[in-house]
Amino acid sequence: MSEHLTQASYPGEIDIKGDRAPVTYKIKAMKEDDGAIHVGVSLTAPRDWLLKHGFRHEATLHRKSGEPVPVRFEETLNVADNIAVTLYTDEFVYRSREELTRSFPELASAVG
């Protein structure tokens, strides 16, 4: 059975072809039975802003702490989609809390 480690929100910026806007992104970390820590990142952004800046499938999330990460929409975004859409990263997997906090320093105090 997995153990919930943390779920928190942080400020960042979404980047589409050099055009940036502030966003709040969420990180969810779970520890699995085998000891691996699985991390998912998501953010919600306005569909019209995304389309106006040429977004179709993928953008970059710039975090105040840590490396930029790609975020994507499952399909190609178009005007028929919801007015606010959720973008996701691929799941990250880490073998230790130290490895996790190197990649996600914003989680250092949350997962100790």
PDB file of N, CA and C in Angstrom:
ATOM      1  N   MET A   1       0.844  -1.184   0.000  1.00  0.00           N
ATOM      2  CA  MET A   1       0.000   0.000   0.000  1.00  0.00           C
ATOM      3  C   MET A   1       0.887   1.245   0.000  1.00  0.00           C
ATOM      4  N   SER A   2       0.551   2.222  -0.804  1.00  0.00           N
ATOM      5  CA  SER A   2       1.371   3.418  -0.902  1.00  0.00           C
ATOM      6  C   SER A   2       1.109   4.358   0.277  1.00  0.00           C
ATOM      7  N   GLU A   3       2.127   5.173   0.574  1.00  0.00           N
ATOM      8  CA  GLU A   3       2.057   6.138   1.664  1.00  0.00           C
ATOM      9  C   GLU A   3       2.099   7.543   1.062  1.00  0.00           C
ATOM     10  N   HIS A   4       1.108   8.342   1.411  1.00  0.00           N
ATOM     11  CA  HIS A   4       1.065   9.726   0.940  1.00  0.00           C
ATOM     12  C   HIS A   4       2.132  10.522   1.682  1.00  0.00           C
ATOM     13  N   LEU A   5       3.064  11.137   0.950  1.00  0.00           N
ATOM     14  CA  LEU A   5       4.109  11.941   1.581  1.00  0.00           C
ATOM     15  C   LEU A   5       3.731  13.410   1.652  1.00  0.00           C
ATOM     16  N   THR A   6       3.287  13.958   0.550  1.00  0.00           N
ATOM     17  CA  THR A   6       2.904  15.368   0.542  1.00  0.00           C
ATOM     18  C   THR A   6       2.130  15.715  -0.715  1.00  0.00           C
ATOM     19  N   GLN A   7       1.361  16.774  -0.606  1.00  0.00           N
ATOM     20  CA  GLN A   7       0.711  17.394  -1.747  1.00  0.00           C
ATOM     21  C   GLN A   7       0.688  18.882  -1.432  1.00  0.00           C
ATOM     22  N   ALA A   8       1.317  19.685  -2.270  1.00  0.00           N
ATOM     23  CA  ALA A   8       1.425  21.110  -2.001  1.00  0.00           C
ATOM     24  C   ALA A   8       1.447  21.894  -3.308  1.00  0.00           C
ATOM     25  N   SER A   9       1.182  23.191  -3.191  1.00  0.00           N
ATOM     26  CA  SER A   9       1.189  24.088  -4.337  1.00  0.00           C
ATOM     27  C   SER A   9       2.325  25.099  -4.212  1.00  0.00           C
ATOM     28  N   TYR A  10       2.879  25.482  -5.352  1.00  0.00           N
ATOM     29  CA  TYR A  10       4.015  26.398  -5.393  1.00  0.00           C
ATOM     30  C   TYR A  10       3.857  27.346  -6.574  1.00  0.00           C
ATOM     31  N   PRO A  11       4.444  28.555  -6.487  1.00  0.00           N
ATOM     32  CA  PRO A  11       4.403  29.481  -7.619  1.00  0.00           C
ATOM     33  C   PRO A  11       5.471  29.140  -8.649  1.00  0.00           C
ATOM     34  N   GLY A  12       5.142  29.350  -9.900  1.00  0.00           N
ATOM     35  CA  GLY A  12       6.087  29.129 -10.984  1.00  0.00           C
ATOM     36  C   GLY A  12       5.648  29.922 -12.201  1.00  0.00           C
ATOM     37  N   GLU A  13       6.209  29.580 -13.340  1.00  0.00           N
ATOM     38  CA  GLU A  13       5.837  30.224 -14.599  1.00  0.00           C
ATOM     39  C   GLU A  13       5.707  29.169 -15.675  1.00  0.00           C
ATOM     40  N   ILE A  14       4.703  29.355 -16.529  1.00  0.00           N
ATOM     41  CA  ILE A  14       4.566  28.497 -17.701  1.00  0.00           C
ATOM     42  C   ILE A  14       5.204  29.235 -18.868  1.00  0.00           C
ATOM     43  N   ASP A  15       5.904  28.492 -19.711  1.00  0.00           N
ATOM     44  CA  ASP A  15       6.644  29.065 -20.835  1.00  0.00           C
ATOM     45  C   ASP A  15       6.214  28.365 -22.116  1.00  0.00           C
ATOM     46  N   ILE A  16       5.729  29.171 -23.060  1.00  0.00           N
ATOM     47  CA  ILE A  16       5.373  28.667 -24.391  1.00  0.00           C
ATOM     48  C   ILE A  16       6.127  29.519 -25.400  1.00  0.00           C
ATOM     49  N   LYS A  17       7.122  28.914 -26.010  1.00  0.00           N
ATOM     50  CA  LYS A  17       7.914  29.602 -27.040  1.00  0.00           C
ATOM     51  C   LYS A  17       8.443  30.954 -26.564  1.00  0.00           C
ATOM     52  N   GLY A  18       8.867  31.019 -25.299  1.00  0.00           N
ATOM     53  CA  GLY A  18       9.429  32.248 -24.745  1.00  0.00           C
ATOM     54  C   GLY A  18       8.423  33.178 -24.098  1.00  0.00           C
ATOM     55  N   ASP A  19       7.128  32.941 -24.308  1.00  0.00           N
ATOM     56  CA  ASP A  19       6.094  33.733 -23.638  1.00  0.00           C
ATOM     57  C   ASP A  19       5.798  33.077 -22.296  1.00  0.00           C
ATOM     58  N   ARG A  20       5.919  33.873 -21.217  1.00  0.00           N
ATOM     59  CA  ARG A  20       5.726  33.325 -19.874  1.00  0.00           C
ATOM     60  C   ARG A  20       4.561  33.976 -19.153  1.00  0.00           C
ATOM     61  N   ALA A  21       3.971  33.201 -18.246  1.00  0.00           N
ATOM     62  CA  ALA A  21       2.902  33.709 -17.390  1.00  0.00           C
ATOM     63  C   ALA A  21       3.011  33.001 -16.041  1.00  0.00           C
ATOM     64  N   PRO A  22       2.657  33.698 -14.955  1.00  0.00           N
ATOM     65  CA  PRO A  22       2.689  33.052 -13.641  1.00  0.00           C
ATOM     66  C   PRO A  22       1.615  31.972 -13.538  1.00  0.00           C
ATOM     67  N   VAL A  23       1.971  30.889 -12.862  1.00  0.00           N
ATOM     68  CA  VAL A  23       1.030  29.801 -12.588  1.00  0.00           C
ATOM     69  C   VAL A  23       1.320  29.248 -11.196  1.00  0.00           C
ATOM     70  N   THR A  24       0.373  28.531 -10.688  1.00  0.00           N
ATOM     71  CA  THR A  24       0.575  27.752  -9.470  1.00  0.00           C
ATOM     72  C   THR A  24       0.593  26.301  -9.890  1.00  0.00           C
ATOM     73  N   TYR A  25       1.624  25.584  -9.477  1.00  0.00           N
ATOM     74  CA  TYR A  25       1.692  24.168  -9.816  1.00  0.00           C
ATOM     75  C   TYR A  25       1.584  23.342  -8.550  1.00  0.00           C
ATOM     76  N   LYS A  26       1.114  22.125  -8.704  1.00  0.00           N
ATOM     77  CA  LYS A  26       0.921  21.205  -7.583  1.00  0.00           C
ATOM     78  C   LYS A  26       1.871  20.035  -7.721  1.00  0.00           C
ATOM     79  N   ILE A  27       2.412  19.623  -6.592  1.00  0.00           N
ATOM     80  CA  ILE A  27       3.262  18.437  -6.539  1.00  0.00           C
ATOM     81  C   ILE A  27       2.623  17.446  -5.576  1.00  0.00           C
ATOM     82  N   LYS A  28       2.537  16.210  -6.007  1.00  0.00           N
ATOM     83  CA  LYS A  28       2.029  15.133  -5.166  1.00  0.00           C
ATOM     84  C   LYS A  28       3.100  14.057  -5.113  1.00  0.00           C
ATOM     85  N   ALA A  29       3.497  13.667  -3.899  1.00  0.00           N
ATOM     86  CA  ALA A  29       4.522  12.641  -3.722  1.00  0.00           C
ATOM     87  C   ALA A  29       3.960  11.479  -2.906  1.00  0.00           C
ATOM     88  N   MET A  30       4.194  10.264  -3.419  1.00  0.00           N
ATOM     89  CA  MET A  30       3.732   9.033  -2.768  1.00  0.00           C
ATOM     90  C   MET A  30       4.900   8.064  -2.661  1.00  0.00           C
ATOM     91  N   LYS A  31       5.000   7.386  -1.521  1.00  0.00           N
ATOM     92  CA  LYS A  31       6.019   6.355  -1.348  1.00  0.00           C
ATOM     93  C   LYS A  31       5.351   5.001  -1.527  1.00  0.00           C
ATOM     94  N   GLU A  32       5.891   4.215  -2.448  1.00  0.00           N
ATOM     95  CA  GLU A  32       5.313   2.905  -2.750  1.00  0.00           C
ATOM     96  C   GLU A  32       5.913   1.832  -1.835  1.00  0.00           C
ATOM     97  N   ASP A  33       5.319   0.654  -1.852  1.00  0.00           N
ATOM     98  CA  ASP A  33       5.767  -0.455  -1.004  1.00  0.00           C
ATOM     99  C   ASP A  33       7.230  -0.829  -1.231  1.00  0.00           C
ATOM    100  N   ASP A  34       7.706  -0.656  -2.453  1.00  0.00           N
ATOM    101  CA  ASP A  34       9.096  -1.015  -2.756  1.00  0.00           C
ATOM    102  C   ASP A  34      10.090   0.074  -2.335  1.00  0.00           C
ATOM    103  N   GLY A  35       9.582   1.160  -1.717  1.00  0.00           N
ATOM    104  CA  GLY A  35      10.436   2.252  -1.261  1.00  0.00           C
ATOM    105  C   GLY A  35      10.593   3.371  -2.271  1.00  0.00           C
ATOM    106  N   ALA A  36      10.169   3.156  -3.514  1.00  0.00           N
ATOM    107  CA  ALA A  36      10.284   4.189  -4.538  1.00  0.00           C
ATOM    108  C   ALA A  36       9.306   5.326  -4.241  1.00  0.00           C
ATOM    109  N   ILE A  37       9.756   6.540  -4.515  1.00  0.00           N
ATOM    110  CA  ILE A  37       8.914   7.714  -4.329  1.00  0.00           C
ATOM    111  C   ILE A  37       8.471   8.203  -5.705  1.00  0.00           C
ATOM    112  N   HIS A  38       7.163   8.248  -5.903  1.00  0.00           N
ATOM    113  CA  HIS A  38       6.578   8.672  -7.173  1.00  0.00           C
ATOM    114  C   HIS A  38       6.064  10.096  -7.017  1.00  0.00           C
ATOM    115  N   VAL A  39       6.442  10.946  -7.966  1.00  0.00           N
ATOM    116  CA  VAL A  39       6.074  12.356  -7.906  1.00  0.00           C
ATOM    117  C   VAL A  39       5.360  12.751  -9.187  1.00  0.00           C
ATOM    118  N   GLY A  40       4.245  13.424  -9.019  1.00  0.00           N
ATOM    119  CA  GLY A  40       3.507  13.968 -10.149  1.00  0.00           C
ATOM    120  C   GLY A  40       3.375  15.469  -9.992  1.00  0.00           C
ATOM    121  N   VAL A  41       3.479  16.189 -11.094  1.00  0.00           N
ATOM    122  CA  VAL A  41       3.345  17.642 -11.104  1.00  0.00           C
ATOM    123  C   VAL A  41       2.228  18.001 -12.075  1.00  0.00           C
ATOM    124  N   SER A  42       1.388  18.945 -11.671  1.00  0.00           N
ATOM    125  CA  SER A  42       0.317  19.406 -12.547  1.00  0.00           C
ATOM    126  C   SER A  42       0.097  20.900 -12.343  1.00  0.00           C
ATOM    127  N   LEU A  43      -0.526  21.499 -13.332  1.00  0.00           N
ATOM    128  CA  LEU A  43      -0.924  22.903 -13.230  1.00  0.00           C
ATOM    129  C   LEU A  43      -2.151  23.108 -14.074  1.00  0.00           C
ATOM    130  N   THR A  44      -2.920  24.130 -13.725  1.00  0.00           N
ATOM    131  CA  THR A  44      -4.101  24.485 -14.500  1.00  0.00           C
ATOM    132  C   THR A  44      -3.857  25.858 -15.110  1.00  0.00           C
ATOM    133  N   ALA A  45      -4.164  25.981 -16.393  1.00  0.00           N
ATOM    134  CA  ALA A  45      -3.933  27.231 -17.118  1.00  0.00           C
ATOM    135  C   ALA A  45      -5.149  27.551 -17.983  1.00  0.00           C
ATOM    136  N   PRO A  46      -5.361  28.840 -18.254  1.00  0.00           N
ATOM    137  CA  PRO A  46      -6.489  29.235 -19.110  1.00  0.00           C
ATOM    138  C   PRO A  46      -6.298  28.782 -20.558  1.00  0.00           C
ATOM    139  N   ARG A  47      -7.279  28.089 -21.068  1.00  0.00           N
ATOM    140  CA  ARG A  47      -7.232  27.585 -22.442  1.00  0.00           C
ATOM    141  C   ARG A  47      -6.941  28.683 -23.456  1.00  0.00           C
ATOM    142  N   ASP A  48      -7.626  29.825 -23.327  1.00  0.00           N
ATOM    143  CA  ASP A  48      -7.472  30.882 -24.322  1.00  0.00           C
ATOM    144  C   ASP A  48      -6.067  31.479 -24.315  1.00  0.00           C
ATOM    145  N   TRP A  49      -5.459  31.627 -23.129  1.00  0.00           N
ATOM    146  CA  TRP A  49      -4.081  32.131 -23.066  1.00  0.00           C
ATOM    147  C   TRP A  49      -3.147  31.132 -23.744  1.00  0.00           C
ATOM    148  N   LEU A  50      -3.339  29.862 -23.451  1.00  0.00           N
ATOM    149  CA  LEU A  50      -2.503  28.829 -24.061  1.00  0.00           C
ATOM    150  C   LEU A  50      -2.603  28.874 -25.585  1.00  0.00           C
ATOM    151  N   LEU A  51      -3.820  28.902 -26.098  1.00  0.00           N
ATOM    152  CA  LEU A  51      -4.018  28.923 -27.551  1.00  0.00           C
ATOM    153  C   LEU A  51      -3.439  30.193 -28.177  1.00  0.00           C
ATOM    154  N   LYS A  52      -3.640  31.334 -27.514  1.00  0.00           N
ATOM    155  CA  LYS A  52      -3.132  32.610 -28.029  1.00  0.00           C
ATOM    156  C   LYS A  52      -1.613  32.582 -28.193  1.00  0.00           C
ATOM    157  N   HIS A  53      -0.930  31.819 -27.335  1.00  0.00           N
ATOM    158  CA  HIS A  53       0.533  31.763 -27.372  1.00  0.00           C
ATOM    159  C   HIS A  53       1.065  30.544 -28.136  1.00  0.00           C
ATOM    160  N   GLY A  54       0.176  29.883 -28.869  1.00  0.00           N
ATOM    161  CA  GLY A  54       0.614  28.814 -29.761  1.00  0.00           C
ATOM    162  C   GLY A  54       0.718  27.438 -29.135  1.00  0.00           C
ATOM    163  N   PHE A  55       0.204  27.270 -27.914  1.00  0.00           N
ATOM    164  CA  PHE A  55       0.251  25.960 -27.267  1.00  0.00           C
ATOM    165  C   PHE A  55      -0.672  24.991 -27.984  1.00  0.00           C
ATOM    166  N   ARG A  56      -0.191  23.789 -28.186  1.00  0.00           N
ATOM    167  CA  ARG A  56      -1.027  22.727 -28.737  1.00  0.00           C
ATOM    168  C   ARG A  56      -0.951  21.470 -27.874  1.00  0.00           C
ATOM    169  N   HIS A  57       0.251  21.159 -27.376  1.00  0.00           N
ATOM    170  CA  HIS A  57       0.415  19.905 -26.643  1.00  0.00           C
ATOM    171  C   HIS A  57       1.402  20.002 -25.467  1.00  0.00           C
ATOM    172  N   GLU A  58       2.479  20.799 -25.594  1.00  0.00           N
ATOM    173  CA  GLU A  58       3.514  20.801 -24.559  1.00  0.00           C
ATOM    174  C   GLU A  58       4.056  22.200 -24.300  1.00  0.00           C
ATOM    175  N   ALA A  59       4.408  22.464 -23.026  1.00  0.00           N
ATOM    176  CA  ALA A  59       5.016  23.725 -22.599  1.00  0.00           C
ATOM    177  C   ALA A  59       6.081  23.387 -21.559  1.00  0.00           C
ATOM    178  N   THR A  60       6.697  24.410 -20.997  1.00  0.00           N
ATOM    179  CA  THR A  60       7.701  24.211 -19.957  1.00  0.00           C
ATOM    180  C   THR A  60       7.255  24.926 -18.689  1.00  0.00           C
ATOM    181  N   LEU A  61       7.369  24.228 -17.556  1.00  0.00           N
ATOM    182  CA  LEU A  61       7.106  24.816 -16.254  1.00  0.00           C
ATOM    183  C   LEU A  61       8.441  25.228 -15.650  1.00  0.00           C
ATOM    184  N   HIS A  62       8.572  26.514 -15.330  1.00  0.00           N
ATOM    185  CA  HIS A  62       9.758  27.009 -14.645  1.00  0.00           C
ATOM    186  C   HIS A  62       9.403  27.164 -13.173  1.00  0.00           C
ATOM    187  N   ARG A  63      10.138  26.435 -12.341  1.00  0.00           N
ATOM    188  CA  ARG A  63       9.913  26.481 -10.903  1.00  0.00           C
ATOM    189  C   ARG A  63      10.934  27.426 -10.277  1.00  0.00           C
ATOM    190  N   LYS A  64      10.576  28.063  -9.162  1.00  0.00           N
ATOM    191  CA  LYS A  64      11.517  28.938  -8.469  1.00  0.00           C
ATOM    192  C   LYS A  64      12.681  28.116  -7.920  1.00  0.00           C
ATOM    193  N   SER A  65      12.413  26.877  -7.564  1.00  0.00           N
ATOM    194  CA  SER A  65      13.444  25.949  -7.089  1.00  0.00           C
ATOM    195  C   SER A  65      13.474  24.767  -8.040  1.00  0.00           C
ATOM    196  N   GLY A  66      14.639  24.368  -8.459  1.00  0.00           N
ATOM    197  CA  GLY A  66      14.729  23.184  -9.314  1.00  0.00           C
ATOM    198  C   GLY A  66      14.737  23.512 -10.795  1.00  0.00           C
ATOM    199  N   GLU A  67      14.954  22.475 -11.551  1.00  0.00           N
ATOM    200  CA  GLU A  67      15.068  22.567 -13.008  1.00  0.00           C
ATOM    201  C   GLU A  67      13.695  22.724 -13.668  1.00  0.00           C
ATOM    202  N   PRO A  68      13.649  23.377 -14.833  1.00  0.00           N
ATOM    203  CA  PRO A  68      12.393  23.426 -15.589  1.00  0.00           C
ATOM    204  C   PRO A  68      11.957  22.009 -15.986  1.00  0.00           C
ATOM    205  N   VAL A  69      10.652  21.807 -16.066  1.00  0.00           N
ATOM    206  CA  VAL A  69      10.124  20.499 -16.463  1.00  0.00           C
ATOM    207  C   VAL A  69       9.071  20.676 -17.556  1.00  0.00           C
ATOM    208  N   PRO A  70       9.021  19.740 -18.503  1.00  0.00           N
ATOM    209  CA  PRO A  70       7.973  19.807 -19.524  1.00  0.00           C
ATOM    210  C   PRO A  70       6.623  19.402 -18.936  1.00  0.00           C
ATOM    211  N   VAL A  71       5.584  20.115 -19.357  1.00  0.00           N
ATOM    212  CA  VAL A  71       4.208  19.769 -18.989  1.00  0.00           C
ATOM    213  C   VAL A  71       3.430  19.622 -20.289  1.00  0.00           C
ATOM    214  N   ARG A  72       2.437  18.753 -20.261  1.00  0.00           N
ATOM    215  CA  ARG A  72       1.726  18.501 -21.511  1.00  0.00           C
ATOM    216  C   ARG A  72       0.233  18.295 -21.268  1.00  0.00           C
ATOM    217  N   PHE A  73      -0.494  18.470 -22.330  1.00  0.00           N
ATOM    218  CA  PHE A  73      -1.920  18.194 -22.386  1.00  0.00           C
ATOM    219  C   PHE A  73      -2.051  16.865 -23.114  1.00  0.00           C
ATOM    220  N   GLU A  74      -2.948  16.015 -22.678  1.00  0.00           N
ATOM    221  CA  GLU A  74      -3.033  14.660 -23.236  1.00  0.00           C
ATOM    222  C   GLU A  74      -3.297  14.624 -24.727  1.00  0.00           C
ATOM    223  N   GLU A  75      -4.043  15.578 -25.223  1.00  0.00           N
ATOM    224  CA  GLU A  75      -4.349  15.622 -26.648  1.00  0.00           C
ATOM    225  C   GLU A  75      -3.897  16.969 -27.196  1.00  0.00           C
ATOM    226  N   THR A  76      -4.272  17.288 -28.406  1.00  0.00           N
ATOM    227  CA  THR A  76      -3.981  18.603 -28.959  1.00  0.00           C
ATOM    228  C   THR A  76      -5.062  19.570 -28.484  1.00  0.00           C
ATOM    229  N   LEU A  77      -4.648  20.658 -27.845  1.00  0.00           N
ATOM    230  CA  LEU A  77      -5.587  21.634 -27.309  1.00  0.00           C
ATOM    231  C   LEU A  77      -6.296  22.383 -28.436  1.00  0.00           C
ATOM    232  N   ASN A  78      -7.605  22.600 -28.267  1.00  0.00           N
ATOM    233  CA  ASN A  78      -8.361  23.413 -29.228  1.00  0.00           C
ATOM    234  C   ASN A  78      -9.495  24.118 -28.504  1.00  0.00           C
ATOM    235  N   VAL A  79     -10.231  24.962 -29.203  1.00  0.00           N
ATOM    236  CA  VAL A  79     -11.275  25.790 -28.584  1.00  0.00           C
ATOM    237  C   VAL A  79     -12.438  24.980 -28.005  1.00  0.00           C
ATOM    238  N   ALA A  80     -12.563  23.732 -28.344  1.00  0.00           N
ATOM    239  CA  ALA A  80     -13.629  22.897 -27.798  1.00  0.00           C
ATOM    240  C   ALA A  80     -13.302  22.377 -26.399  1.00  0.00           C
ATOM    241  N   ASP A  81     -12.040  22.523 -25.965  1.00  0.00           N
ATOM    242  CA  ASP A  81     -11.649  22.058 -24.626  1.00  0.00           C
ATOM    243  C   ASP A  81     -12.173  23.012 -23.555  1.00  0.00           C
ATOM    244  N   ASN A  82     -12.134  22.548 -22.292  1.00  0.00           N
ATOM    245  CA  ASN A  82     -12.580  23.366 -21.170  1.00  0.00           C
ATOM    246  C   ASN A  82     -11.830  24.691 -21.133  1.00  0.00           C
ATOM    247  N   ILE A  83     -12.444  25.688 -20.528  1.00  0.00           N
ATOM    248  CA  ILE A  83     -11.851  27.022 -20.458  1.00  0.00           C
ATOM    249  C   ILE A  83     -10.566  27.037 -19.622  1.00  0.00           C
ATOM    250  N   ALA A  84     -10.461  26.123 -18.680  1.00  0.00           N
ATOM    251  CA  ALA A  84      -9.224  25.927 -17.918  1.00  0.00           C
ATOM    252  C   ALA A  84      -8.810  24.477 -18.108  1.00  0.00           C
ATOM    253  N   VAL A  85      -7.564  24.263 -18.448  1.00  0.00           N
ATOM    254  CA  VAL A  85      -7.094  22.901 -18.712  1.00  0.00           C
ATOM    255  C   VAL A  85      -5.950  22.554 -17.776  1.00  0.00           C
ATOM    256  N   THR A  86      -5.845  21.280 -17.466  1.00  0.00           N
ATOM    257  CA  THR A  86      -4.783  20.803 -16.588  1.00  0.00           C
ATOM    258  C   THR A  86      -3.687  20.171 -17.431  1.00  0.00           C
ATOM    259  N   LEU A  87      -2.460  20.596 -17.158  1.00  0.00           N
ATOM    260  CA  LEU A  87      -1.274  20.055 -17.815  1.00  0.00           C
ATOM    261  C   LEU A  87      -0.519  19.226 -16.792  1.00  0.00           C
ATOM    262  N   TYR A  88       0.129  18.162 -17.249  1.00  0.00           N
ATOM    263  CA  TYR A  88       0.816  17.221 -16.365  1.00  0.00           C
ATOM    264  C   TYR A  88       2.247  16.981 -16.827  1.00  0.00           C
ATOM    265  N   THR A  89       3.078  16.532 -15.892  1.00  0.00           N
ATOM    266  CA  THR A  89       4.400  16.014 -16.240  1.00  0.00           C
ATOM    267  C   THR A  89       4.285  14.501 -16.306  1.00  0.00           C
ATOM    268  N   ASP A  90       5.282  13.868 -16.900  1.00  0.00           N
ATOM    269  CA  ASP A  90       5.407  12.433 -16.719  1.00  0.00           C
ATOM    270  C   ASP A  90       5.729  12.215 -15.247  1.00  0.00           C
ATOM    271  N   GLU A  91       5.415  11.054 -14.732  1.00  0.00           N
ATOM    272  CA  GLU A  91       5.702  10.760 -13.336  1.00  0.00           C
ATOM    273  C   GLU A  91       7.210  10.606 -13.135  1.00  0.00           C
ATOM    274  N   PHE A  92       7.708  11.197 -12.069  1.00  0.00           N
ATOM    275  CA  PHE A  92       9.116  11.063 -11.684  1.00  0.00           C
ATOM    276  C   PHE A  92       9.201   9.982 -10.612  1.00  0.00           C
ATOM    277  N   VAL A  93      10.246   9.167 -10.654  1.00  0.00           N
ATOM    278  CA  VAL A  93      10.435   8.111  -9.659  1.00  0.00           C
ATOM    279  C   VAL A  93      11.822   8.263  -9.050  1.00  0.00           C
ATOM    280  N   TYR A  94      11.873   8.246  -7.727  1.00  0.00           N
ATOM    281  CA  TYR A  94      13.135   8.406  -6.995  1.00  0.00           C
ATOM    282  C   TYR A  94      13.294   7.254  -6.011  1.00  0.00           C
ATOM    283  N   ARG A  95      14.526   6.901  -5.737  1.00  0.00           N
ATOM    284  CA  ARG A  95      14.824   5.795  -4.824  1.00  0.00           C
ATOM    285  C   ARG A  95      15.006   6.253  -3.381  1.00  0.00           C
ATOM    286  N   SER A  96      15.198   7.560  -3.161  1.00  0.00           N
ATOM    287  CA  SER A  96      15.395   8.048  -1.792  1.00  0.00           C
ATOM    288  C   SER A  96      14.842   9.460  -1.654  1.00  0.00           C
ATOM    289  N   ARG A  97      14.625   9.874  -0.408  1.00  0.00           N
ATOM    290  CA  ARG A  97      14.166  11.238  -0.156  1.00  0.00           C
ATOM    291  C   ARG A  97      15.241  12.240  -0.552  1.00  0.00           C
ATOM    292  N   GLU A  98      16.502  11.874  -0.403  1.00  0.00           N
ATOM    293  CA  GLU A  98      17.606  12.762  -0.781  1.00  0.00           C
ATOM    294  C   GLU A  98      17.585  13.016  -2.287  1.00  0.00           C
ATOM    295  N   GLU A  99      17.400  11.960  -3.055  1.00  0.00           N
ATOM    296  CA  GLU A  99      17.313  12.092  -4.517  1.00  0.00           C
ATOM    297  C   GLU A  99      16.104  12.965  -4.889  1.00  0.00           C
ATOM    298  N   LEU A 100      14.998  12.764  -4.194  1.00  0.00           N
ATOM    299  CA  LEU A 100      13.788  13.549  -4.423  1.00  0.00           C
ATOM    300  C   LEU A 100      14.050  15.030  -4.163  1.00  0.00           C
ATOM    301  N   THR A 101      14.641  15.367  -3.029  1.00  0.00           N
ATOM    302  CA  THR A 101      14.831  16.777  -2.695  1.00  0.00           C
ATOM    303  C   THR A 101      15.921  17.444  -3.527  1.00  0.00           C
ATOM    304  N   ARG A 102      16.812  16.668  -4.139  1.00  0.00           N
ATOM    305  CA  ARG A 102      17.753  17.264  -5.098  1.00  0.00           C
ATOM    306  C   ARG A 102      17.008  17.742  -6.342  1.00  0.00           C
ATOM    307  N   SER A 103      16.047  16.950  -6.792  1.00  0.00           N
ATOM    308  CA  SER A 103      15.274  17.315  -7.978  1.00  0.00           C
ATOM    309  C   SER A 103      14.143  18.292  -7.662  1.00  0.00           C
ATOM    310  N   PHE A 104      13.583  18.173  -6.471  1.00  0.00           N
ATOM    311  CA  PHE A 104      12.477  19.029  -6.046  1.00  0.00           C
ATOM    312  C   PHE A 104      12.821  19.665  -4.699  1.00  0.00           C
ATOM    313  N   PRO A 105      13.721  20.670  -4.703  1.00  0.00           N
ATOM    314  CA  PRO A 105      14.120  21.294  -3.432  1.00  0.00           C
ATOM    315  C   PRO A 105      12.955  21.909  -2.680  1.00  0.00           C
ATOM    316  N   GLU A 106      11.885  22.284  -3.381  1.00  0.00           N
ATOM    317  CA  GLU A 106      10.741  22.864  -2.718  1.00  0.00           C
ATOM    318  C   GLU A 106      10.061  21.872  -1.776  1.00  0.00           C
ATOM    319  N   LEU A 107      10.339  20.573  -1.920  1.00  0.00           N
ATOM    320  CA  LEU A 107       9.751  19.554  -1.052  1.00  0.00           C
ATOM    321  C   LEU A 107      10.609  19.238   0.171  1.00  0.00           C
ATOM    322  N   ALA A 108      11.764  19.847   0.306  1.00  0.00           N
ATOM    323  CA  ALA A 108      12.707  19.492   1.386  1.00  0.00           C
ATOM    324  C   ALA A 108      12.065  19.536   2.757  1.00  0.00           C
ATOM    325  N   SER A 109      11.314  20.571   3.068  1.00  0.00           N
ATOM    326  CA  SER A 109      10.704  20.660   4.390  1.00  0.00           C
ATOM    327  C   SER A 109       9.474  19.768   4.521  1.00  0.00           C
ATOM    328  N   ALA A 110       8.838  19.442   3.412  1.00  0.00           N
ATOM    329  CA  ALA A 110       7.619  18.638   3.445  1.00  0.00           C
ATOM    330  C   ALA A 110       7.878  17.147   3.643  1.00  0.00           C
ATOM    331  N   VAL A 111       9.017  16.643   3.127  1.00  0.00           N
ATOM    332  CA  VAL A 111       9.287  15.212   3.227  1.00  0.00           C
ATOM    333  C   VAL A 111      10.463  14.911   4.143  1.00  0.00           C
ATOM    334  N   GLY A 112      11.077  15.948   4.695  1.00  0.00           N
ATOM    335  CA  GLY A 112      12.163  15.865   5.669  1.00  0.00           C
ATOM    336  C   GLY A 112      13.108  14.798   5.436  1.00  0.00           C
TER     337      GLY A 112
END
